[in-house]
Amino acid sequence: MNICIIYHSETGNTRHAAQHIASACDGKLVEVTDKTGYNRLTGFLVRCKMAMGEEKTLIEPGSLDVSGYDQLVFGSPVWAFKPTPAIHAAIDSLVGCEGKKATAFCTHGGKPGQTAELFQKWIEARGMKCVGNTNIHQNDIENEKKTKEMVSVLIKDLS
């Protein structure tokens, strides 16, 4: 099974979780970066407001061709109880995603809020089928049991 893990990470928590997933399924990692020119504090505040409005931002890579993958996994930190504008833009930029199975995860320090619902909405709006969704608290990313639980939710329907 050919799996692509597409994620956005600011502090490294989501990146680390994505690496755990890639190790479990021999998946390809694609990190999406936000290309807006804000400083760290201002950027976070502005982009949290963008997350609340379900907006998108300028990203690198600007377009992702996923036609060669069987399934997709998306990952994002939670900002203002929602996925980041960068992962929203990444999902919107996909080429060749129609009809594919997809799962999503988020990392958070508090509560995941509406992240699962929005991931499903955005995934299905692009013609993919959302077959799993989970979250992991930032304190549990190094917890082997919690990480395995996260991976099992994301990969169980993908094998």
N, C-alpha and C. Protein backbone atom coordinates (compact mmCIF):
# COMPACT_ATOMS: atom_id res chain seq x y z
N MET A 1 0.85 -1.17 0.00
CA MET A 1 0.00 0.00 0.00
C MET A 1 0.90 1.23 0.00
N ASN A 2 0.64 2.15 -0.89
CA ASN A 2 1.43 3.35 -1.06
C ASN A 2 0.72 4.52 -0.37
N ILE A 3 1.26 4.98 0.78
CA ILE A 3 0.60 5.99 1.61
C ILE A 3 1.45 7.26 1.66
N CYS A 4 0.79 8.40 1.54
CA CYS A 4 1.44 9.71 1.64
C CYS A 4 0.90 10.43 2.87
N ILE A 5 1.80 10.88 3.73
CA ILE A 5 1.43 11.62 4.94
C ILE A 5 1.77 13.09 4.69
N ILE A 6 0.75 13.92 4.60
CA ILE A 6 0.91 15.34 4.33
C ILE A 6 0.58 16.08 5.62
N TYR A 7 1.51 16.89 6.10
CA TYR A 7 1.30 17.53 7.39
C TYR A 7 1.88 18.93 7.42
N HIS A 8 1.39 19.72 8.37
CA HIS A 8 1.93 21.04 8.68
C HIS A 8 2.32 21.02 10.15
N SER A 9 3.51 21.51 10.46
CA SER A 9 3.99 21.54 11.84
C SER A 9 4.74 22.84 12.09
N GLU A 10 4.43 23.50 13.18
CA GLU A 10 5.14 24.72 13.55
C GLU A 10 6.16 24.44 14.64
N THR A 11 5.78 23.69 15.67
CA THR A 11 6.68 23.46 16.81
C THR A 11 7.41 22.13 16.73
N GLY A 12 7.00 21.26 15.82
CA GLY A 12 7.62 19.95 15.68
C GLY A 12 6.78 18.81 16.22
N ASN A 13 5.73 19.09 16.98
CA ASN A 13 4.89 18.03 17.52
C ASN A 13 4.19 17.23 16.42
N THR A 14 3.59 17.93 15.47
CA THR A 14 2.88 17.24 14.38
C THR A 14 3.88 16.51 13.49
N ARG A 15 5.03 17.10 13.27
CA ARG A 15 6.09 16.43 12.48
C ARG A 15 6.48 15.11 13.15
N HIS A 16 6.67 15.16 14.45
CA HIS A 16 7.08 13.95 15.16
C HIS A 16 6.00 12.87 15.10
N ALA A 17 4.75 13.28 15.26
CA ALA A 17 3.64 12.31 15.16
C ALA A 17 3.59 11.73 13.74
N ALA A 18 3.79 12.58 12.73
CA ALA A 18 3.79 12.11 11.34
C ALA A 18 4.91 11.11 11.11
N GLN A 19 6.05 11.32 11.72
CA GLN A 19 7.17 10.39 11.59
C GLN A 19 6.84 9.03 12.20
N HIS A 20 6.12 9.03 13.31
CA HIS A 20 5.67 7.76 13.91
C HIS A 20 4.76 7.01 12.93
N ILE A 21 3.85 7.74 12.30
CA ILE A 21 2.92 7.13 11.35
C ILE A 21 3.68 6.58 10.15
N ALA A 22 4.60 7.37 9.61
CA ALA A 22 5.39 6.93 8.45
C ALA A 22 6.19 5.68 8.76
N SER A 23 6.74 5.60 9.96
CA SER A 23 7.51 4.41 10.35
C SER A 23 6.63 3.17 10.40
N ALA A 24 5.39 3.35 10.83
CA ALA A 24 4.48 2.21 10.97
C ALA A 24 3.98 1.69 9.63
N CYS A 25 3.92 2.55 8.61
CA CYS A 25 3.34 2.12 7.33
C CYS A 25 4.29 2.32 6.15
N ASP A 26 5.52 2.66 6.42
CA ASP A 26 6.51 2.94 5.37
C ASP A 26 5.97 3.99 4.40
N GLY A 27 5.35 5.03 4.98
CA GLY A 27 4.74 6.08 4.18
C GLY A 27 5.71 7.18 3.79
N LYS A 28 5.31 7.94 2.79
CA LYS A 28 6.08 9.09 2.30
C LYS A 28 5.63 10.32 3.07
N LEU A 29 6.58 11.07 3.64
CA LEU A 29 6.27 12.29 4.38
C LEU A 29 6.39 13.51 3.47
N VAL A 30 5.38 14.38 3.54
CA VAL A 30 5.42 15.65 2.82
C VAL A 30 5.05 16.74 3.83
N GLU A 31 6.04 17.57 4.17
CA GLU A 31 5.76 18.68 5.09
C GLU A 31 5.37 19.91 4.29
N VAL A 32 4.29 20.52 4.70
CA VAL A 32 3.79 21.75 4.08
C VAL A 32 4.21 22.90 4.99
N THR A 33 4.80 23.93 4.39
CA THR A 33 5.20 25.10 5.19
C THR A 33 4.39 26.32 4.77
N ASP A 34 4.11 27.14 5.74
CA ASP A 34 3.39 28.39 5.52
C ASP A 34 4.39 29.44 5.05
N LYS A 35 4.14 30.04 3.89
CA LYS A 35 5.09 30.98 3.29
C LYS A 35 4.76 32.45 3.57
N THR A 36 3.78 32.73 4.42
CA THR A 36 3.48 34.13 4.74
C THR A 36 4.64 34.71 5.54
N GLY A 37 4.88 35.99 5.40
CA GLY A 37 6.05 36.62 5.99
C GLY A 37 5.82 37.29 7.32
N TYR A 38 5.20 36.61 8.26
CA TYR A 38 4.98 37.17 9.59
C TYR A 38 6.09 36.73 10.53
N ASN A 39 6.32 37.53 11.58
CA ASN A 39 7.22 37.03 12.62
C ASN A 39 6.48 35.99 13.44
N ARG A 40 7.19 35.29 14.29
CA ARG A 40 6.61 34.13 15.00
C ARG A 40 5.35 34.48 15.80
N LEU A 41 5.38 35.52 16.61
CA LEU A 41 4.23 35.86 17.45
C LEU A 41 3.09 36.42 16.59
N THR A 42 3.38 37.41 15.78
CA THR A 42 2.34 38.01 14.94
C THR A 42 1.75 36.97 14.00
N GLY A 43 2.60 36.15 13.42
CA GLY A 43 2.13 35.12 12.51
C GLY A 43 1.18 34.16 13.16
N PHE A 44 1.49 33.74 14.38
CA PHE A 44 0.61 32.81 15.08
C PHE A 44 -0.75 33.45 15.33
N LEU A 45 -0.76 34.69 15.80
CA LEU A 45 -2.03 35.36 16.09
C LEU A 45 -2.87 35.57 14.83
N VAL A 46 -2.23 36.05 13.77
CA VAL A 46 -2.95 36.28 12.50
C VAL A 46 -3.46 34.96 11.94
N ARG A 47 -2.63 33.93 11.98
CA ARG A 47 -3.05 32.66 11.40
C ARG A 47 -4.08 31.94 12.26
N CYS A 48 -4.08 32.18 13.58
CA CYS A 48 -5.16 31.65 14.42
C CYS A 48 -6.49 32.26 14.00
N LYS A 49 -6.46 33.56 13.74
CA LYS A 49 -7.68 34.22 13.27
C LYS A 49 -8.09 33.64 11.92
N MET A 50 -7.12 33.37 11.05
CA MET A 50 -7.42 32.74 9.76
C MET A 50 -8.01 31.34 9.97
N ALA A 51 -7.47 30.60 10.92
CA ALA A 51 -7.99 29.25 11.22
C ALA A 51 -9.45 29.34 11.67
N MET A 52 -9.74 30.31 12.52
CA MET A 52 -11.12 30.47 12.98
C MET A 52 -12.07 30.72 11.81
N GLY A 53 -11.60 31.44 10.79
CA GLY A 53 -12.41 31.73 9.62
C GLY A 53 -12.30 30.67 8.53
N GLU A 54 -11.59 29.56 8.82
CA GLU A 54 -11.38 28.46 7.86
C GLU A 54 -10.76 28.96 6.56
N GLU A 55 -9.82 29.90 6.70
CA GLU A 55 -9.14 30.46 5.54
C GLU A 55 -7.92 29.60 5.19
N LYS A 56 -7.31 29.92 4.05
CA LYS A 56 -6.10 29.24 3.59
C LYS A 56 -4.98 30.25 3.50
N THR A 57 -3.75 29.76 3.44
CA THR A 57 -2.59 30.62 3.35
C THR A 57 -1.69 30.16 2.20
N LEU A 58 -0.70 30.94 1.88
CA LEU A 58 0.27 30.58 0.85
C LEU A 58 1.20 29.50 1.40
N ILE A 59 1.36 28.41 0.65
CA ILE A 59 2.16 27.28 1.14
C ILE A 59 3.23 26.86 0.15
N GLU A 60 4.17 26.10 0.67
CA GLU A 60 5.19 25.43 -0.14
C GLU A 60 5.18 23.97 0.26
N PRO A 61 5.05 23.01 -0.59
CA PRO A 61 4.85 23.18 -2.03
C PRO A 61 3.46 23.73 -2.34
N GLY A 62 3.38 24.46 -3.42
CA GLY A 62 2.14 25.12 -3.81
C GLY A 62 1.10 24.17 -4.39
N SER A 63 1.54 23.02 -4.87
CA SER A 63 0.66 22.02 -5.45
C SER A 63 1.22 20.65 -5.13
N LEU A 64 0.35 19.71 -4.84
CA LEU A 64 0.78 18.36 -4.50
C LEU A 64 0.09 17.35 -5.40
N ASP A 65 0.86 16.63 -6.20
CA ASP A 65 0.31 15.59 -7.05
C ASP A 65 0.34 14.28 -6.27
N VAL A 66 -0.82 13.78 -5.90
CA VAL A 66 -0.92 12.57 -5.09
C VAL A 66 -1.48 11.40 -5.90
N SER A 67 -1.49 11.54 -7.21
CA SER A 67 -2.08 10.50 -8.06
C SER A 67 -1.36 9.16 -7.93
N GLY A 68 -0.10 9.16 -7.53
CA GLY A 68 0.65 7.92 -7.40
C GLY A 68 0.48 7.21 -6.07
N TYR A 69 -0.35 7.75 -5.20
CA TYR A 69 -0.55 7.15 -3.87
C TYR A 69 -1.92 6.50 -3.78
N ASP A 70 -1.98 5.42 -3.01
CA ASP A 70 -3.25 4.73 -2.80
C ASP A 70 -4.11 5.45 -1.78
N GLN A 71 -3.45 5.96 -0.72
CA GLN A 71 -4.18 6.60 0.36
C GLN A 71 -3.38 7.76 0.94
N LEU A 72 -4.11 8.66 1.60
CA LEU A 72 -3.51 9.87 2.14
C LEU A 72 -3.81 10.00 3.63
N VAL A 73 -2.84 10.56 4.35
CA VAL A 73 -3.01 10.89 5.77
C VAL A 73 -2.66 12.36 5.90
N PHE A 74 -3.52 13.12 6.58
CA PHE A 74 -3.27 14.55 6.79
C PHE A 74 -3.06 14.81 8.27
N GLY A 75 -2.13 15.73 8.59
CA GLY A 75 -1.86 16.07 9.97
C GLY A 75 -1.70 17.57 10.17
N SER A 76 -2.19 18.04 11.32
CA SER A 76 -2.13 19.47 11.62
C SER A 76 -2.13 19.68 13.12
N PRO A 77 -1.45 20.74 13.58
CA PRO A 77 -1.69 21.18 14.95
C PRO A 77 -3.07 21.84 15.02
N VAL A 78 -3.57 22.01 16.22
CA VAL A 78 -4.85 22.67 16.41
C VAL A 78 -4.57 24.14 16.76
N TRP A 79 -5.16 25.02 15.99
CA TRP A 79 -5.09 26.46 16.25
C TRP A 79 -6.52 26.97 16.37
N ALA A 80 -6.85 27.58 17.49
CA ALA A 80 -8.19 28.11 17.71
C ALA A 80 -9.25 27.02 17.49
N PHE A 81 -8.93 25.82 17.94
CA PHE A 81 -9.82 24.65 17.87
C PHE A 81 -10.08 24.16 16.46
N LYS A 82 -9.19 24.49 15.51
CA LYS A 82 -9.35 24.09 14.12
C LYS A 82 -8.00 23.75 13.51
N PRO A 83 -7.99 23.05 12.36
CA PRO A 83 -6.73 22.80 11.65
C PRO A 83 -6.15 24.12 11.14
N THR A 84 -4.87 24.11 10.82
CA THR A 84 -4.20 25.32 10.38
C THR A 84 -4.58 25.73 8.96
N PRO A 85 -4.44 27.01 8.64
CA PRO A 85 -4.67 27.47 7.26
C PRO A 85 -3.75 26.76 6.26
N ALA A 86 -2.54 26.39 6.69
CA ALA A 86 -1.60 25.73 5.78
C ALA A 86 -2.09 24.34 5.36
N ILE A 87 -2.62 23.55 6.29
CA ILE A 87 -3.09 22.21 5.90
C ILE A 87 -4.38 22.34 5.08
N HIS A 88 -5.18 23.36 5.38
CA HIS A 88 -6.38 23.61 4.57
C HIS A 88 -5.96 23.91 3.12
N ALA A 89 -4.94 24.76 2.96
CA ALA A 89 -4.44 25.09 1.63
C ALA A 89 -3.85 23.85 0.95
N ALA A 90 -3.18 23.00 1.72
CA ALA A 90 -2.58 21.78 1.16
C ALA A 90 -3.65 20.85 0.61
N ILE A 91 -4.70 20.64 1.36
CA ILE A 91 -5.79 19.78 0.90
C ILE A 91 -6.41 20.37 -0.37
N ASP A 92 -6.55 21.68 -0.39
CA ASP A 92 -7.12 22.36 -1.54
C ASP A 92 -6.21 22.28 -2.77
N SER A 93 -4.90 22.14 -2.55
CA SER A 93 -3.93 22.15 -3.66
C SER A 93 -3.69 20.78 -4.28
N LEU A 94 -4.32 19.74 -3.76
CA LEU A 94 -4.05 18.39 -4.23
C LEU A 94 -4.48 18.18 -5.68
N VAL A 95 -3.66 17.43 -6.39
CA VAL A 95 -3.95 17.01 -7.76
C VAL A 95 -4.01 15.48 -7.74
N GLY A 96 -5.04 14.91 -8.32
CA GLY A 96 -5.16 13.46 -8.40
C GLY A 96 -5.65 12.80 -7.13
N CYS A 97 -6.44 13.50 -6.33
CA CYS A 97 -6.89 12.95 -5.04
C CYS A 97 -8.28 12.33 -5.10
N GLU A 98 -9.02 12.59 -6.13
CA GLU A 98 -10.41 12.15 -6.20
C GLU A 98 -10.52 10.63 -6.09
N GLY A 99 -11.45 10.19 -5.23
CA GLY A 99 -11.70 8.77 -5.06
C GLY A 99 -10.77 8.06 -4.09
N LYS A 100 -9.79 8.74 -3.54
CA LYS A 100 -8.83 8.10 -2.63
C LYS A 100 -9.38 8.07 -1.21
N LYS A 101 -8.93 7.08 -0.45
CA LYS A 101 -9.22 7.03 0.98
C LYS A 101 -8.27 7.98 1.69
N ALA A 102 -8.75 8.60 2.77
CA ALA A 102 -7.92 9.52 3.53
C ALA A 102 -8.27 9.44 5.01
N THR A 103 -7.26 9.68 5.83
CA THR A 103 -7.45 9.81 7.27
C THR A 103 -6.77 11.09 7.71
N ALA A 104 -7.05 11.52 8.94
CA ALA A 104 -6.46 12.76 9.44
C ALA A 104 -6.20 12.65 10.94
N PHE A 105 -5.18 13.40 11.37
CA PHE A 105 -4.88 13.48 12.80
C PHE A 105 -4.49 14.90 13.14
N CYS A 106 -4.65 15.23 14.41
CA CYS A 106 -4.19 16.53 14.88
C CYS A 106 -3.42 16.34 16.19
N THR A 107 -2.52 17.28 16.43
CA THR A 107 -1.82 17.35 17.70
C THR A 107 -2.32 18.60 18.41
N HIS A 108 -2.40 18.51 19.74
CA HIS A 108 -2.95 19.66 20.48
C HIS A 108 -2.41 19.69 21.89
N GLY A 109 -2.47 20.87 22.48
CA GLY A 109 -2.07 21.04 23.87
C GLY A 109 -3.27 21.19 24.78
N GLY A 110 -4.42 21.38 24.20
CA GLY A 110 -5.66 21.55 24.97
C GLY A 110 -6.71 20.58 24.47
N LYS A 111 -7.62 21.09 23.67
CA LYS A 111 -8.69 20.26 23.11
C LYS A 111 -8.68 20.39 21.59
N PRO A 112 -9.08 19.32 20.88
CA PRO A 112 -9.06 19.36 19.42
C PRO A 112 -10.18 20.18 18.80
N GLY A 113 -11.20 20.53 19.55
CA GLY A 113 -12.27 21.37 19.03
C GLY A 113 -12.95 20.77 17.81
N GLN A 114 -13.06 21.55 16.74
CA GLN A 114 -13.76 21.14 15.52
C GLN A 114 -12.82 20.55 14.48
N THR A 115 -11.62 20.22 14.86
CA THR A 115 -10.62 19.79 13.89
C THR A 115 -11.07 18.56 13.11
N ALA A 116 -11.57 17.54 13.77
CA ALA A 116 -11.99 16.31 13.07
C ALA A 116 -13.09 16.60 12.05
N GLU A 117 -14.07 17.38 12.45
CA GLU A 117 -15.18 17.69 11.56
C GLU A 117 -14.70 18.47 10.33
N LEU A 118 -13.82 19.42 10.55
CA LEU A 118 -13.33 20.21 9.42
C LEU A 118 -12.45 19.39 8.49
N PHE A 119 -11.59 18.55 9.06
CA PHE A 119 -10.80 17.66 8.20
C PHE A 119 -11.73 16.84 7.30
N GLN A 120 -12.75 16.24 7.89
CA GLN A 120 -13.67 15.42 7.11
C GLN A 120 -14.36 16.26 6.03
N LYS A 121 -14.81 17.44 6.38
CA LYS A 121 -15.47 18.33 5.41
C LYS A 121 -14.54 18.66 4.24
N TRP A 122 -13.30 19.05 4.55
CA TRP A 122 -12.36 19.45 3.50
C TRP A 122 -11.95 18.26 2.64
N ILE A 123 -11.75 17.11 3.28
CA ILE A 123 -11.36 15.90 2.55
C ILE A 123 -12.48 15.49 1.58
N GLU A 124 -13.68 15.44 2.07
CA GLU A 124 -14.81 15.02 1.24
C GLU A 124 -15.14 16.04 0.16
N ALA A 125 -14.89 17.32 0.43
CA ALA A 125 -15.13 18.35 -0.58
C ALA A 125 -14.20 18.18 -1.79
N ARG A 126 -13.06 17.52 -1.58
CA ARG A 126 -12.11 17.27 -2.68
C ARG A 126 -12.33 15.91 -3.34
N GLY A 127 -13.39 15.21 -2.97
CA GLY A 127 -13.73 13.95 -3.63
C GLY A 127 -13.06 12.73 -3.03
N MET A 128 -12.47 12.88 -1.86
CA MET A 128 -11.86 11.74 -1.16
C MET A 128 -12.86 11.18 -0.15
N LYS A 129 -12.59 9.97 0.34
CA LYS A 129 -13.43 9.36 1.36
C LYS A 129 -12.66 9.37 2.67
N CYS A 130 -13.20 10.06 3.68
CA CYS A 130 -12.56 10.13 5.00
C CYS A 130 -12.92 8.85 5.76
N VAL A 131 -11.92 8.02 6.05
CA VAL A 131 -12.17 6.73 6.70
C VAL A 131 -11.61 6.65 8.11
N GLY A 132 -11.08 7.75 8.64
CA GLY A 132 -10.56 7.74 9.99
C GLY A 132 -10.07 9.11 10.40
N ASN A 133 -10.14 9.38 11.70
CA ASN A 133 -9.77 10.68 12.22
C ASN A 133 -9.42 10.50 13.69
N THR A 134 -8.32 11.08 14.13
CA THR A 134 -7.94 10.96 15.53
C THR A 134 -7.12 12.17 15.95
N ASN A 135 -6.81 12.23 17.24
CA ASN A 135 -5.99 13.31 17.77
C ASN A 135 -5.06 12.76 18.84
N ILE A 136 -3.99 13.50 19.09
CA ILE A 136 -3.06 13.11 20.15
C ILE A 136 -2.59 14.37 20.87
N HIS A 137 -2.60 14.33 22.18
CA HIS A 137 -2.13 15.45 23.00
C HIS A 137 -0.62 15.53 22.89
N GLN A 138 -0.10 16.74 22.90
CA GLN A 138 1.34 16.93 22.75
C GLN A 138 2.15 16.17 23.81
N ASN A 139 1.59 15.96 24.98
CA ASN A 139 2.30 15.23 26.03
C ASN A 139 2.35 13.73 25.78
N ASP A 140 1.56 13.24 24.84
CA ASP A 140 1.47 11.80 24.57
C ASP A 140 2.22 11.37 23.31
N ILE A 141 2.86 12.29 22.61
CA ILE A 141 3.52 11.94 21.35
C ILE A 141 4.65 10.94 21.57
N GLU A 142 5.29 10.98 22.71
CA GLU A 142 6.36 10.03 23.02
C GLU A 142 5.86 8.83 23.83
N ASN A 143 4.57 8.78 24.12
CA ASN A 143 3.97 7.66 24.83
C ASN A 143 3.70 6.56 23.82
N GLU A 144 4.44 5.47 23.92
CA GLU A 144 4.36 4.40 22.91
C GLU A 144 2.94 3.85 22.77
N LYS A 145 2.24 3.66 23.88
CA LYS A 145 0.87 3.13 23.83
C LYS A 145 -0.06 4.10 23.09
N LYS A 146 0.01 5.38 23.43
CA LYS A 146 -0.86 6.39 22.80
C LYS A 146 -0.53 6.54 21.32
N THR A 147 0.76 6.50 20.99
CA THR A 147 1.17 6.61 19.59
C THR A 147 0.66 5.42 18.78
N LYS A 148 0.76 4.21 19.35
CA LYS A 148 0.26 3.03 18.64
C LYS A 148 -1.25 3.12 18.44
N GLU A 149 -1.96 3.65 19.43
CA GLU A 149 -3.41 3.83 19.30
C GLU A 149 -3.72 4.78 18.15
N MET A 150 -2.97 5.89 18.08
CA MET A 150 -3.17 6.86 17.01
C MET A 150 -2.92 6.21 15.65
N VAL A 151 -1.82 5.51 15.54
CA VAL A 151 -1.46 4.86 14.28
C VAL A 151 -2.51 3.83 13.89
N SER A 152 -3.01 3.06 14.85
CA SER A 152 -4.01 2.03 14.53
C SER A 152 -5.30 2.62 13.99
N VAL A 153 -5.70 3.79 14.48
CA VAL A 153 -6.90 4.45 13.96
C VAL A 153 -6.65 4.91 12.52
N LEU A 154 -5.47 5.43 12.27
CA LEU A 154 -5.18 6.00 10.96
C LEU A 154 -4.88 4.95 9.90
N ILE A 155 -4.30 3.83 10.31
CA ILE A 155 -3.86 2.85 9.33
C ILE A 155 -4.77 1.62 9.23
N LYS A 156 -5.61 1.37 10.18
CA LYS A 156 -6.44 0.16 10.18
C LYS A 156 -7.27 0.01 8.91
N ASP A 157 -7.83 1.11 8.43
CA ASP A 157 -8.65 1.06 7.23
C ASP A 157 -7.83 1.27 5.97
N LEU A 158 -6.55 1.47 6.13
CA LEU A 158 -5.71 1.78 4.98
C LEU A 158 -4.89 0.60 4.52
N SER A 159 -4.93 -0.50 5.21
CA SER A 159 -4.10 -1.64 4.81
C SER A 159 -4.84 -2.56 3.87
